[in-house]
PDB file of N, CA and C in Angstrom:
ATOM      1  N   MET A   1     266.640 116.362 170.871  1.00  0.00           N
ATOM      2  CA  MET A   1     267.472 116.403 172.312  1.00  0.00           C
ATOM      3  C   MET A   1     268.754 115.493 171.306  1.00  0.00           C
ATOM      4  N   LYS A   2     270.190 116.511 171.305  1.00  0.00           N
ATOM      5  CA  LYS A   2     270.964 115.695 170.943  1.00  0.00           C
ATOM      6  C   LYS A   2     272.165 115.590 172.301  1.00  0.00           C
ATOM      7  N   PRO A   3     272.626 114.314 171.801  1.00  0.00           N
ATOM      8  CA  PRO A   3     273.459 113.327 172.871  1.00  0.00           C
ATOM      9  C   PRO A   3     274.423 114.306 172.737  1.00  0.00           C
ATOM     10  N   THR A   4     274.890 114.178 174.379  1.00  0.00           N
ATOM     11  CA  THR A   4     276.279 114.989 174.615  1.00  0.00           C
ATOM     12  C   THR A   4     277.400 113.968 175.005  1.00  0.00           C
ATOM     13  N   ASP A   5     277.355 112.954 175.498  1.00  0.00           N
ATOM     14  CA  ASP A   5     277.785 111.618 175.792  1.00  0.00           C
ATOM     15  C   ASP A   5     277.611 111.273 174.963  1.00  0.00           C
ATOM     16  N   PRO A   6     279.090 110.727 174.320  1.00  0.00           N
ATOM     17  CA  PRO A   6     279.317 109.610 173.041  1.00  0.00           C
ATOM     18  C   PRO A   6     278.912 108.741 173.811  1.00  0.00           C
ATOM     19  N   ASN A   7     279.231 108.356 174.979  1.00  0.00           N
ATOM     20  CA  ASN A   7     278.854 106.749 175.629  1.00  0.00           C
ATOM     21  C   ASN A   7     277.471 106.426 175.690  1.00  0.00           C
ATOM     22  N   ARG A   8     276.711 107.661 175.159  1.00  0.00           N
ATOM     23  CA  ARG A   8     275.238 107.391 175.808  1.00  0.00           C
ATOM     24  C   ARG A   8     275.007 106.992 174.949  1.00  0.00           C
ATOM     25  N   LEU A   9     275.017 106.431 173.623  1.00  0.00           N
ATOM     26  CA  LEU A   9     274.338 105.575 172.034  1.00  0.00           C
ATOM     27  C   LEU A   9     275.585 104.796 171.717  1.00  0.00           C
ATOM     28  N   THR A  10     274.471 103.356 171.795  1.00  0.00           N
ATOM     29  CA  THR A  10     275.612 102.524 171.307  1.00  0.00           C
ATOM     30  C   THR A  10     276.400 103.239 169.488  1.00  0.00           C
ATOM     31  N   ARG A  11     277.081 102.538 169.196  1.00  0.00           N
ATOM     32  CA  ARG A  11     277.626 102.702 167.790  1.00  0.00           C
ATOM     33  C   ARG A  11     276.616 102.802 166.617  1.00  0.00           C
ATOM     34  N   GLN A  12     275.511 101.649 166.574  1.00  0.00           N
ATOM     35  CA  GLN A  12     274.742 101.938 165.994  1.00  0.00           C
ATOM     36  C   GLN A  12     273.520 102.873 165.631  1.00  0.00           C
ATOM     37  N   GLU A  13     273.622 103.431 167.178  1.00  0.00           N
ATOM     38  CA  GLU A  13     272.307 104.349 167.452  1.00  0.00           C
ATOM     39  C   GLU A  13     273.131 105.620 167.071  1.00  0.00           C
ATOM     40  N   GLN A  14     273.974 105.849 167.483  1.00  0.00           N
ATOM     41  CA  GLN A  14     275.095 106.927 166.956  1.00  0.00           C
ATOM     42  C   GLN A  14     274.975 107.112 165.412  1.00  0.00           C
ATOM     43  N   ARG A  15     275.476 105.803 164.324  1.00  0.00           N
ATOM     44  CA  ARG A  15     274.982 106.463 163.255  1.00  0.00           C
ATOM     45  C   ARG A  15     273.403 106.534 162.986  1.00  0.00           C
ATOM     46  N   LEU A  16     272.425 106.302 163.502  1.00  0.00           N
ATOM     47  CA  LEU A  16     271.385 106.213 163.402  1.00  0.00           C
ATOM     48  C   LEU A  16     271.027 108.044 163.591  1.00  0.00           C
ATOM     49  N   TYR A  17     271.336 108.370 164.685  1.00  0.00           N
ATOM     50  CA  TYR A  17     270.973 109.628 165.238  1.00  0.00           C
ATOM     51  C   TYR A  17     271.818 110.808 163.559  1.00  0.00           C
ATOM     52  N   GLU A  18     272.704 110.243 163.559  1.00  0.00           N
ATOM     53  CA  GLU A  18     273.644 111.126 162.633  1.00  0.00           C
ATOM     54  C   GLU A  18     273.035 111.455 161.411  1.00  0.00           C
ATOM     55  N   MET A  19     272.262 109.832 161.152  1.00  0.00           N
ATOM     56  CA  MET A  19     271.491 110.088 159.697  1.00  0.00           C
ATOM     57  C   MET A  19     270.027 110.946 159.913  1.00  0.00           C
ATOM     58  N   LEU A  20     269.473 110.660 161.093  1.00  0.00           N
ATOM     59  CA  LEU A  20     268.543 111.437 161.224  1.00  0.00           C
ATOM     60  C   LEU A  20     268.414 112.968 161.678  1.00  0.00           C
ATOM     61  N   SER A  21     269.983 113.107 161.901  1.00  0.00           N
ATOM     62  CA  SER A  21     269.771 114.539 162.386  1.00  0.00           C
ATOM     63  C   SER A  21     270.154 115.467 160.904  1.00  0.00           C
ATOM     64  N   ARG A  22     270.447 114.672 159.571  1.00  0.00           N
ATOM     65  CA  ARG A  22     271.007 115.441 158.453  1.00  0.00           C
ATOM     66  C   ARG A  22     268.826 116.282 158.316  1.00  0.00           C
ATOM     67  N   GLY A  23     268.114 115.526 158.608  1.00  0.00           N
ATOM     68  CA  GLY A  23     266.566 116.450 158.344  1.00  0.00           C
ATOM     69  C   GLY A  23     266.022 114.777 157.389  1.00  0.00           C
ATOM     70  N   GLY A  24     265.143 115.712 157.181  1.00  0.00           N
ATOM     71  CA  GLY A  24     264.516 114.774 156.517  1.00  0.00           C
ATOM     72  C   GLY A  24     263.538 113.454 157.071  1.00  0.00           C
ATOM     73  N   ARG A  25     262.892 112.739 156.549  1.00  0.00           N
ATOM     74  CA  ARG A  25     262.250 111.668 156.742  1.00  0.00           C
ATOM     75  C   ARG A  25     262.331 110.541 156.439  1.00  0.00           C
ATOM     76  N   TYR A  26     262.673 109.626 157.265  1.00  0.00           N
ATOM     77  CA  TYR A  26     263.166 108.506 156.522  1.00  0.00           C
ATOM     78  C   TYR A  26     262.166 106.888 157.177  1.00  0.00           C
ATOM     79  N   THR A  27     261.978 105.815 155.836  1.00  0.00           N
ATOM     80  CA  THR A  27     261.258 104.678 156.269  1.00  0.00           C
ATOM     81  C   THR A  27     261.993 103.949 156.729  1.00  0.00           C
ATOM     82  N   VAL A  28     261.876 103.041 157.326  1.00  0.00           N
ATOM     83  CA  VAL A  28     263.101 101.571 157.661  1.00  0.00           C
ATOM     84  C   VAL A  28     263.894 101.152 156.773  1.00  0.00           C
ATOM     85  N   ALA A  29     263.252 100.858 155.647  1.00  0.00           N
ATOM     86  CA  ALA A  29     263.567 100.446 154.161  1.00  0.00           C
ATOM     87  C   ALA A  29     264.726 101.632 154.073  1.00  0.00           C
ATOM     88  N   ASP A  30     264.277 102.539 154.229  1.00  0.00           N
ATOM     89  CA  ASP A  30     265.769 104.048 153.990  1.00  0.00           C
ATOM     90  C   ASP A  30     266.976 103.471 154.369  1.00  0.00           C
ATOM     91  N   ILE A  31     266.469 103.431 156.165  1.00  0.00           N
ATOM     92  CA  ILE A  31     267.735 102.801 157.009  1.00  0.00           C
ATOM     93  C   ILE A  31     267.963 102.030 157.159  1.00  0.00           C
ATOM     94  N   THR A  32     267.813 101.238 156.724  1.00  0.00           N
ATOM     95  CA  THR A  32     268.383  99.865 156.019  1.00  0.00           C
ATOM     96  C   THR A  32     269.084  99.716 155.123  1.00  0.00           C
ATOM     97  N   ARG A  33     268.785 100.160 153.771  1.00  0.00           N
ATOM     98  CA  ARG A  33     269.647 100.234 152.789  1.00  0.00           C
ATOM     99  C   ARG A  33     271.138 101.248 153.186  1.00  0.00           C
ATOM    100  N   GLU A  34     270.672 102.503 153.517  1.00  0.00           N
ATOM    101  CA  GLU A  34     271.737 103.133 154.098  1.00  0.00           C
ATOM    102  C   GLU A  34     273.073 102.782 155.001  1.00  0.00           C
ATOM    103  N   LEU A  35     272.387 102.480 156.808  1.00  0.00           N
ATOM    104  CA  LEU A  35     273.293 102.046 157.237  1.00  0.00           C
ATOM    105  C   LEU A  35     273.409 100.677 157.222  1.00  0.00           C
ATOM    106  N   GLY A  36     272.580  99.471 156.923  1.00  0.00           N
ATOM    107  CA  GLY A  36     272.621  98.385 156.957  1.00  0.00           C
ATOM    108  C   GLY A  36     272.044  97.574 158.422  1.00  0.00           C
ATOM    109  N   GLN A  37     271.595  98.035 158.858  1.00  0.00           N
ATOM    110  CA  GLN A  37     270.844  97.794 160.363  1.00  0.00           C
ATOM    111  C   GLN A  37     269.751  96.843 159.562  1.00  0.00           C
ATOM    112  N   CYS A  38     269.106  95.760 160.527  1.00  0.00           N
ATOM    113  CA  CYS A  38     268.448  94.646 160.114  1.00  0.00           C
ATOM    114  C   CYS A  38     267.428  95.147 160.550  1.00  0.00           C
ATOM    115  N   ASP A  39     267.177  95.858 162.010  1.00  0.00           N
ATOM    116  CA  ASP A  39     265.622  96.172 162.383  1.00  0.00           C
ATOM    117  C   ASP A  39     266.138  97.506 163.228  1.00  0.00           C
ATOM    118  N   PRO A  40     266.207  98.518 162.556  1.00  0.00           N
ATOM    119  CA  PRO A  40     266.199 100.075 163.161  1.00  0.00           C
ATOM    120  C   PRO A  40     265.094 100.586 164.018  1.00  0.00           C
ATOM    121  N   ARG A  41     264.191  99.646 164.019  1.00  0.00           N
ATOM    122  CA  ARG A  41     262.857 100.588 164.927  1.00  0.00           C
ATOM    123  C   ARG A  41     263.135  99.973 166.096  1.00  0.00           C
ATOM    124  N   GLY A  42     264.302  98.425 166.417  1.00  0.00           N
ATOM    125  CA  GLY A  42     264.951  98.385 167.574  1.00  0.00           C
ATOM    126  C   GLY A  42     265.259  99.758 168.456  1.00  0.00           C
ATOM    127  N   HIS A  43     266.390 100.176 167.515  1.00  0.00           N
ATOM    128  CA  HIS A  43     267.263 100.933 167.841  1.00  0.00           C
ATOM    129  C   HIS A  43     266.547 102.335 168.230  1.00  0.00           C
ATOM    130  N   ILE A  44     265.672 103.237 167.344  1.00  0.00           N
ATOM    131  CA  ILE A  44     264.962 103.353 167.656  1.00  0.00           C
ATOM    132  C   ILE A  44     263.851 103.916 168.817  1.00  0.00           C
ATOM    133  N   SER A  45     263.505 102.442 169.642  1.00  0.00           N
ATOM    134  CA  SER A  45     262.652 102.554 170.293  1.00  0.00           C
ATOM    135  C   SER A  45     263.731 102.416 171.623  1.00  0.00           C
ATOM    136  N   ARG A  46     265.077 101.942 171.645  1.00  0.00           N
ATOM    137  CA  ARG A  46     265.988 102.030 173.009  1.00  0.00           C
ATOM    138  C   ARG A  46     266.564 103.533 172.886  1.00  0.00           C
ATOM    139  N   MET A  47     266.304 104.509 171.233  1.00  0.00           N
ATOM    140  CA  MET A  47     267.064 105.702 171.829  1.00  0.00           C
ATOM    141  C   MET A  47     265.757 106.579 172.004  1.00  0.00           C
ATOM    142  N   ARG A  48     264.981 106.442 171.831  1.00  0.00           N
ATOM    143  CA  ARG A  48     263.274 106.872 172.572  1.00  0.00           C
ATOM    144  C   ARG A  48     263.234 106.869 174.353  1.00  0.00           C
ATOM    145  N   ARG A  49     263.834 105.568 174.510  1.00  0.00           N
ATOM    146  CA  ARG A  49     264.077 105.345 175.931  1.00  0.00           C
ATOM    147  C   ARG A  49     264.750 106.433 176.777  1.00  0.00           C
ATOM    148  N   LYS A  50     266.204 106.252 176.187  1.00  0.00           N
ATOM    149  CA  LYS A  50     267.421 107.772 176.100  1.00  0.00           C
ATOM    150  C   LYS A  50     266.831 108.598 176.179  1.00  0.00           C
ATOM    151  N   GLY A  51     266.025 109.112 175.654  1.00  0.00           N
ATOM    152  CA  GLY A  51     265.927 110.698 175.693  1.00  0.00           C
ATOM    153  C   GLY A  51     265.879 111.054 174.171  1.00  0.00           C
ATOM    154  N   ILE A  52     265.908 110.154 173.794  1.00  0.00           N
ATOM    155  CA  ILE A  52     266.210 110.918 172.090  1.00  0.00           C
ATOM    156  C   ILE A  52     264.777 111.236 171.633  1.00  0.00           C
ATOM    157  N   GLY A  53     263.728 112.652 171.443  1.00  0.00           N
ATOM    158  CA  GLY A  53     263.027 112.751 170.500  1.00  0.00           C
ATOM    159  C   GLY A  53     263.108 112.347 168.727  1.00  0.00           C
ATOM    160  N   ILE A  54     262.385 111.311 168.439  1.00  0.00           N
ATOM    161  CA  ILE A  54     262.211 110.803 167.466  1.00  0.00           C
ATOM    162  C   ILE A  54     260.905 110.718 167.225  1.00  0.00           C
ATOM    163  N   ALA A  55     260.453 111.004 166.171  1.00  0.00           N
ATOM    164  CA  ALA A  55     258.899 111.554 165.928  1.00  0.00           C
ATOM    165  C   ALA A  55     258.883 110.323 164.627  1.00  0.00           C
ATOM    166  N   ASP A  56     257.140 110.225 164.735  1.00  0.00           N
ATOM    167  CA  ASP A  56     256.958 108.978 163.427  1.00  0.00           C
ATOM    168  C   ASP A  56     255.393 109.476 162.708  1.00  0.00           C
ATOM    169  N   LYS A  57     255.244 109.225 161.944  1.00  0.00           N
ATOM    170  CA  LYS A  57     254.171 109.221 161.021  1.00  0.00           C
ATOM    171  C   LYS A  57     253.731 108.055 160.340  1.00  0.00           C
ATOM    172  N   ARG A  58     252.789 107.380 160.378  1.00  0.00           N
ATOM    173  CA  ARG A  58     252.367 106.120 159.601  1.00  0.00           C
ATOM    174  C   ARG A  58     251.378 106.410 158.505  1.00  0.00           C
ATOM    175  N   VAL A  59     252.164 105.617 157.228  1.00  0.00           N
ATOM    176  CA  VAL A  59     251.339 106.414 155.925  1.00  0.00           C
ATOM    177  C   VAL A  59     251.132 104.937 155.263  1.00  0.00           C
ATOM    178  N   THR A  60     249.645 105.530 154.509  1.00  0.00           N
ATOM    179  CA  THR A  60     249.098 104.399 153.812  1.00  0.00           C
ATOM    180  C   THR A  60     249.227 105.133 152.264  1.00  0.00           C
ATOM    181  N   ARG A  61     249.788 104.165 151.446  1.00  0.00           N
ATOM    182  CA  ARG A  61     249.834 104.695 149.793  1.00  0.00           C
ATOM    183  C   ARG A  61     248.877 104.102 149.315  1.00  0.00           C
ATOM    184  N   PRO A  62     248.208 104.483 147.988  1.00  0.00           N
ATOM    185  CA  PRO A  62     246.877 104.672 147.436  1.00  0.00           C
ATOM    186  C   PRO A  62     246.728 102.776 147.531  1.00  0.00           C
ATOM    187  N   ASP A  63     247.762 102.317 147.323  1.00  0.00           N
ATOM    188  CA  ASP A  63     247.520 100.472 146.899  1.00  0.00           C
ATOM    189  C   ASP A  63     247.380  99.784 148.144  1.00  0.00           C
ATOM    190  N   GLY A  64     247.467 100.866 149.193  1.00  0.00           N
ATOM    191  CA  GLY A  64     246.902 100.182 150.910  1.00  0.00           C
ATOM    192  C   GLY A  64     248.331  99.997 151.493  1.00  0.00           C
ATOM    193  N   VAL A  65     249.380  99.987 151.114  1.00  0.00           N
ATOM    194  CA  VAL A  65     250.730  99.308 151.674  1.00  0.00           C
ATOM    195  C   VAL A  65     250.822 100.533 152.645  1.00  0.00           C
ATOM    196  N   ASN A  66     250.729  99.947 154.216  1.00  0.00           N
ATOM    197  CA  ASN A  66     251.494 100.609 154.861  1.00  0.00           C
ATOM    198  C   ASN A  66     252.836 100.716 155.431  1.00  0.00           C
ATOM    199  N   TYR A  67     253.382 101.909 155.971  1.00  0.00           N
ATOM    200  CA  TYR A  67     254.512 102.344 156.633  1.00  0.00           C
ATOM    201  C   TYR A  67     255.193 103.285 157.122  1.00  0.00           C
ATOM    202  N   LYS A  68     255.382 103.515 158.168  1.00  0.00           N
ATOM    203  CA  LYS A  68     256.055 104.634 158.830  1.00  0.00           C
ATOM    204  C   LYS A  68     257.092 105.499 158.239  1.00  0.00           C
ATOM    205  N   LEU A  69     257.233 106.681 158.704  1.00  0.00           N
ATOM    206  CA  LEU A  69     258.294 107.719 158.350  1.00  0.00           C
ATOM    207  C   LEU A  69     258.926 107.757 159.709  1.00  0.00           C
ATOM    208  N   TYR A  70     260.443 108.023 160.259  1.00  0.00           N
ATOM    209  CA  TYR A  70     261.008 108.486 160.947  1.00  0.00           C
ATOM    210  C   TYR A  70     261.465 109.972 161.104  1.00  0.00           C
ATOM    211  N   TRP A  71     261.488 110.660 161.937  1.00  0.00           N
ATOM    212  CA  TRP A  71     262.659 112.249 162.026  1.00  0.00           C
ATOM    213  C   TRP A  71     263.133 112.331 163.305  1.00  0.00           C
ATOM    214  N   LEU A  72     263.814 113.350 163.451  1.00  0.00           N
ATOM    215  CA  LEU A  72     263.806 113.883 164.890  1.00  0.00           C
ATOM    216  C   LEU A  72     263.499 114.534 165.010  1.00  0.00           C
ATOM    217  N   ALA A  73     262.438 114.980 166.344  1.00  0.00           N
ATOM    218  CA  ALA A  73     261.452 116.134 166.422  1.00  0.00           C
ATOM    219  C   ALA A  73     262.188 117.048 166.961  1.00  0.00           C
ATOM    220  N   GLU A  74     260.900 118.051 166.966  1.00  0.00           N
ATOM    221  CA  GLU A  74     262.413 119.497 166.978  1.00  0.00           C
ATOM    222  C   GLU A  74     262.120 119.729 168.691  1.00  0.00           C
TER     223      GLU A  74
END
């Protein structure tokens, strides 16, 4: 879902939306590194409540480390 009202998202949410709109799947570390957002999970949660479809998938590396990937849902 593409927001049509720019006032609907905060500036930080808009920057995150633009990043996710480029395609690809991003970790919290990717988002933090690129956008400088301390806790992008909070922005993701608020964006979902506003109706933005953000999908995620938990990944477990062979060494047992877990993380999530985030992307815009179709």
